[in-house]
Amino acid sequence: MTPKAEIEPGLHRGLAWILADDGRIAYHHGFTGTSLYLTPHTGRYLAICTNAVYHHQDNRTRLAPLRTLALKAITAD
């Protein structure tokens, strides 16, 4: 959970993780649409299990709103 490369201001990449909020939030999106969100300082962890790649169709872009909601949910006070 140590930032290694800046993606954009406030968003970094660690070892296989995207880090936000000064490294307090780590998340990773899998190829099939799965996502894992970690906030160890609050003890919150969230997993999205899905298969958005099937029958030679790629529906992963349709998951963007769900992933945005997941990030908001895990960072909510």
N, C-alpha and C. Protein backbone atom coordinates (compact mmCIF):
# COMPACT_ATOMS: atom_id res chain seq x y z
N MET A 1 0.82 -1.19 0.00
CA MET A 1 0.00 0.00 0.00
C MET A 1 0.86 1.26 0.00
N THR A 2 2.03 1.12 -0.60
CA THR A 2 2.94 2.24 -0.73
C THR A 2 2.87 2.77 -2.16
N PRO A 3 2.59 4.08 -2.32
CA PRO A 3 2.53 4.64 -3.67
C PRO A 3 3.85 4.47 -4.42
N LYS A 4 3.76 4.01 -5.65
CA LYS A 4 4.96 3.82 -6.48
C LYS A 4 4.97 4.74 -7.70
N ALA A 5 3.79 5.04 -8.26
CA ALA A 5 3.72 5.89 -9.45
C ALA A 5 2.42 6.69 -9.42
N GLU A 6 2.51 7.97 -9.74
CA GLU A 6 1.32 8.83 -9.76
C GLU A 6 0.55 8.62 -11.06
N ILE A 7 -0.75 8.37 -10.94
CA ILE A 7 -1.63 8.25 -12.10
C ILE A 7 -2.15 9.64 -12.47
N GLU A 8 -2.62 10.36 -11.46
CA GLU A 8 -3.07 11.74 -11.58
C GLU A 8 -3.00 12.32 -10.17
N PRO A 9 -3.15 13.63 -10.00
CA PRO A 9 -3.05 14.19 -8.64
C PRO A 9 -4.04 13.52 -7.69
N GLY A 10 -3.52 12.99 -6.58
CA GLY A 10 -4.35 12.34 -5.57
C GLY A 10 -4.64 10.86 -5.83
N LEU A 11 -4.14 10.34 -6.95
CA LEU A 11 -4.38 8.94 -7.31
C LEU A 11 -3.06 8.32 -7.73
N HIS A 12 -2.67 7.26 -7.05
CA HIS A 12 -1.38 6.62 -7.30
C HIS A 12 -1.56 5.14 -7.57
N ARG A 13 -0.53 4.52 -8.08
CA ARG A 13 -0.52 3.08 -8.26
C ARG A 13 0.54 2.52 -7.33
N GLY A 14 0.13 1.51 -6.57
CA GLY A 14 1.06 0.76 -5.74
C GLY A 14 1.36 -0.55 -6.46
N LEU A 15 1.75 -1.56 -5.73
CA LEU A 15 2.01 -2.85 -6.33
C LEU A 15 0.67 -3.53 -6.58
N ALA A 16 0.16 -3.42 -7.81
CA ALA A 16 -1.10 -4.01 -8.27
C ALA A 16 -2.34 -3.30 -7.73
N TRP A 17 -2.21 -2.27 -6.96
CA TRP A 17 -3.35 -1.57 -6.38
C TRP A 17 -3.38 -0.12 -6.85
N ILE A 18 -4.58 0.43 -6.95
CA ILE A 18 -4.74 1.87 -7.14
C ILE A 18 -4.94 2.43 -5.74
N LEU A 19 -4.18 3.46 -5.41
CA LEU A 19 -4.23 4.04 -4.07
C LEU A 19 -4.82 5.43 -4.14
N ALA A 20 -5.73 5.71 -3.22
CA ALA A 20 -6.38 7.03 -3.16
C ALA A 20 -6.37 7.50 -1.70
N ASP A 21 -6.71 8.75 -1.50
CA ASP A 21 -6.81 9.33 -0.16
C ASP A 21 -5.51 9.13 0.62
N ASP A 22 -4.40 9.52 0.00
CA ASP A 22 -3.06 9.41 0.61
C ASP A 22 -2.74 7.98 1.04
N GLY A 23 -3.15 7.00 0.26
CA GLY A 23 -2.85 5.61 0.53
C GLY A 23 -3.77 4.95 1.54
N ARG A 24 -4.81 5.64 1.98
CA ARG A 24 -5.72 5.07 2.96
C ARG A 24 -6.76 4.16 2.30
N ILE A 25 -6.93 4.27 1.00
CA ILE A 25 -7.86 3.43 0.24
C ILE A 25 -7.08 2.74 -0.86
N ALA A 26 -7.27 1.43 -0.97
CA ALA A 26 -6.63 0.67 -2.04
C ALA A 26 -7.71 -0.12 -2.75
N TYR A 27 -7.65 -0.14 -4.09
CA TYR A 27 -8.62 -0.94 -4.82
C TYR A 27 -8.01 -1.47 -6.10
N HIS A 28 -8.62 -2.52 -6.60
CA HIS A 28 -8.15 -3.19 -7.80
C HIS A 28 -9.36 -3.69 -8.58
N HIS A 29 -9.34 -3.48 -9.88
CA HIS A 29 -10.41 -3.96 -10.76
C HIS A 29 -9.87 -5.11 -11.58
N GLY A 30 -10.57 -6.24 -11.54
CA GLY A 30 -10.17 -7.40 -12.31
C GLY A 30 -10.70 -7.34 -13.73
N PHE A 31 -10.15 -8.17 -14.59
CA PHE A 31 -10.50 -8.17 -16.01
C PHE A 31 -11.97 -8.49 -16.25
N THR A 32 -12.54 -9.40 -15.47
CA THR A 32 -13.92 -9.82 -15.71
C THR A 32 -14.94 -8.90 -15.07
N GLY A 33 -14.49 -7.87 -14.38
CA GLY A 33 -15.41 -6.94 -13.74
C GLY A 33 -15.38 -7.01 -12.23
N THR A 34 -14.68 -7.97 -11.68
CA THR A 34 -14.58 -8.04 -10.23
C THR A 34 -13.79 -6.85 -9.70
N SER A 35 -14.08 -6.46 -8.47
CA SER A 35 -13.37 -5.35 -7.84
C SER A 35 -13.20 -5.65 -6.36
N LEU A 36 -12.11 -5.16 -5.79
CA LEU A 36 -11.86 -5.31 -4.37
C LEU A 36 -11.42 -3.95 -3.85
N TYR A 37 -12.08 -3.49 -2.78
CA TYR A 37 -11.80 -2.20 -2.16
C TYR A 37 -11.38 -2.45 -0.72
N LEU A 38 -10.31 -1.80 -0.28
CA LEU A 38 -9.78 -1.98 1.07
C LEU A 38 -9.58 -0.64 1.75
N THR A 39 -10.06 -0.51 2.95
CA THR A 39 -9.74 0.65 3.80
C THR A 39 -9.38 0.11 5.18
N PRO A 40 -8.14 -0.35 5.34
CA PRO A 40 -7.73 -0.98 6.60
C PRO A 40 -7.89 -0.09 7.83
N HIS A 41 -7.72 1.22 7.69
CA HIS A 41 -7.81 2.10 8.85
C HIS A 41 -9.22 2.15 9.43
N THR A 42 -10.25 1.82 8.64
CA THR A 42 -11.63 1.79 9.15
C THR A 42 -12.13 0.35 9.31
N GLY A 43 -11.37 -0.60 8.79
CA GLY A 43 -11.81 -1.99 8.86
C GLY A 43 -12.89 -2.33 7.85
N ARG A 44 -13.00 -1.53 6.81
CA ARG A 44 -14.01 -1.78 5.76
C ARG A 44 -13.37 -2.42 4.54
N TYR A 45 -14.04 -3.44 4.05
CA TYR A 45 -13.58 -4.16 2.87
C TYR A 45 -14.80 -4.48 2.03
N LEU A 46 -14.72 -4.30 0.73
CA LEU A 46 -15.85 -4.52 -0.13
C LEU A 46 -15.40 -5.26 -1.39
N ALA A 47 -16.13 -6.29 -1.75
CA ALA A 47 -15.81 -7.05 -2.96
C ALA A 47 -17.02 -7.06 -3.88
N ILE A 48 -16.77 -6.85 -5.14
CA ILE A 48 -17.80 -6.99 -6.18
C ILE A 48 -17.40 -8.20 -7.01
N CYS A 49 -18.27 -9.19 -7.02
CA CYS A 49 -18.01 -10.42 -7.78
C CYS A 49 -18.98 -10.46 -8.95
N THR A 50 -18.45 -10.40 -10.14
CA THR A 50 -19.28 -10.41 -11.33
C THR A 50 -18.49 -10.99 -12.49
N ASN A 51 -19.17 -11.33 -13.53
CA ASN A 51 -18.53 -11.75 -14.76
C ASN A 51 -19.15 -10.94 -15.89
N ALA A 52 -18.49 -9.85 -16.24
CA ALA A 52 -19.00 -8.95 -17.27
C ALA A 52 -18.45 -9.30 -18.64
N VAL A 53 -17.68 -10.37 -18.72
CA VAL A 53 -17.12 -10.80 -20.00
C VAL A 53 -17.67 -12.20 -20.28
N TYR A 54 -18.57 -12.28 -21.24
CA TYR A 54 -19.16 -13.58 -21.57
C TYR A 54 -19.62 -13.58 -23.02
N HIS A 55 -19.61 -14.73 -23.60
CA HIS A 55 -20.07 -14.91 -24.98
C HIS A 55 -19.46 -13.89 -25.94
N HIS A 56 -18.18 -13.64 -25.80
CA HIS A 56 -17.43 -12.74 -26.69
C HIS A 56 -17.97 -11.31 -26.66
N GLN A 57 -18.58 -10.92 -25.55
CA GLN A 57 -19.02 -9.54 -25.37
C GLN A 57 -18.26 -8.95 -24.19
N ASP A 58 -17.96 -7.70 -24.27
CA ASP A 58 -17.25 -7.02 -23.19
C ASP A 58 -18.17 -5.95 -22.62
N ASN A 59 -18.74 -6.21 -21.46
CA ASN A 59 -19.66 -5.28 -20.82
C ASN A 59 -19.05 -4.60 -19.60
N ARG A 60 -17.71 -4.63 -19.48
CA ARG A 60 -17.06 -4.06 -18.30
C ARG A 60 -17.29 -2.57 -18.15
N THR A 61 -17.45 -1.83 -19.24
CA THR A 61 -17.64 -0.38 -19.13
C THR A 61 -18.98 -0.06 -18.47
N ARG A 62 -19.92 -0.97 -18.52
CA ARG A 62 -21.21 -0.75 -17.87
C ARG A 62 -21.11 -0.85 -16.35
N LEU A 63 -19.98 -1.32 -15.85
CA LEU A 63 -19.78 -1.45 -14.41
C LEU A 63 -19.28 -0.16 -13.76
N ALA A 64 -18.94 0.83 -14.53
CA ALA A 64 -18.37 2.06 -13.98
C ALA A 64 -19.27 2.70 -12.92
N PRO A 65 -20.58 2.82 -13.13
CA PRO A 65 -21.43 3.41 -12.07
C PRO A 65 -21.43 2.58 -10.79
N LEU A 66 -21.43 1.26 -10.91
CA LEU A 66 -21.40 0.40 -9.73
C LEU A 66 -20.08 0.57 -8.98
N ARG A 67 -18.99 0.65 -9.70
CA ARG A 67 -17.68 0.83 -9.07
C ARG A 67 -17.59 2.19 -8.38
N THR A 68 -18.19 3.22 -8.96
CA THR A 68 -18.21 4.54 -8.34
C THR A 68 -18.99 4.50 -7.03
N LEU A 69 -20.14 3.81 -7.04
CA LEU A 69 -20.93 3.67 -5.82
C LEU A 69 -20.18 2.88 -4.75
N ALA A 70 -19.46 1.86 -5.15
CA ALA A 70 -18.69 1.07 -4.20
C ALA A 70 -17.62 1.92 -3.53
N LEU A 71 -16.93 2.74 -4.30
CA LEU A 71 -15.90 3.61 -3.74
C LEU A 71 -16.51 4.62 -2.78
N LYS A 72 -17.67 5.17 -3.13
CA LYS A 72 -18.35 6.11 -2.23
C LYS A 72 -18.79 5.41 -0.95
N ALA A 73 -19.29 4.18 -1.08
CA ALA A 73 -19.78 3.45 0.10
C ALA A 73 -18.66 3.13 1.07
N ILE A 74 -17.51 2.76 0.55
CA ILE A 74 -16.41 2.37 1.43
C ILE A 74 -15.74 3.57 2.08
N THR A 75 -15.89 4.74 1.50
CA THR A 75 -15.28 5.94 2.06
C THR A 75 -16.25 6.79 2.87
N ALA A 76 -17.52 6.40 2.91
CA ALA A 76 -18.53 7.16 3.66
C ALA A 76 -18.22 7.16 5.15
N ASP A 77 -18.50 8.25 5.79
CA ASP A 77 -18.25 8.35 7.25
C ASP A 77 -19.38 7.75 8.03
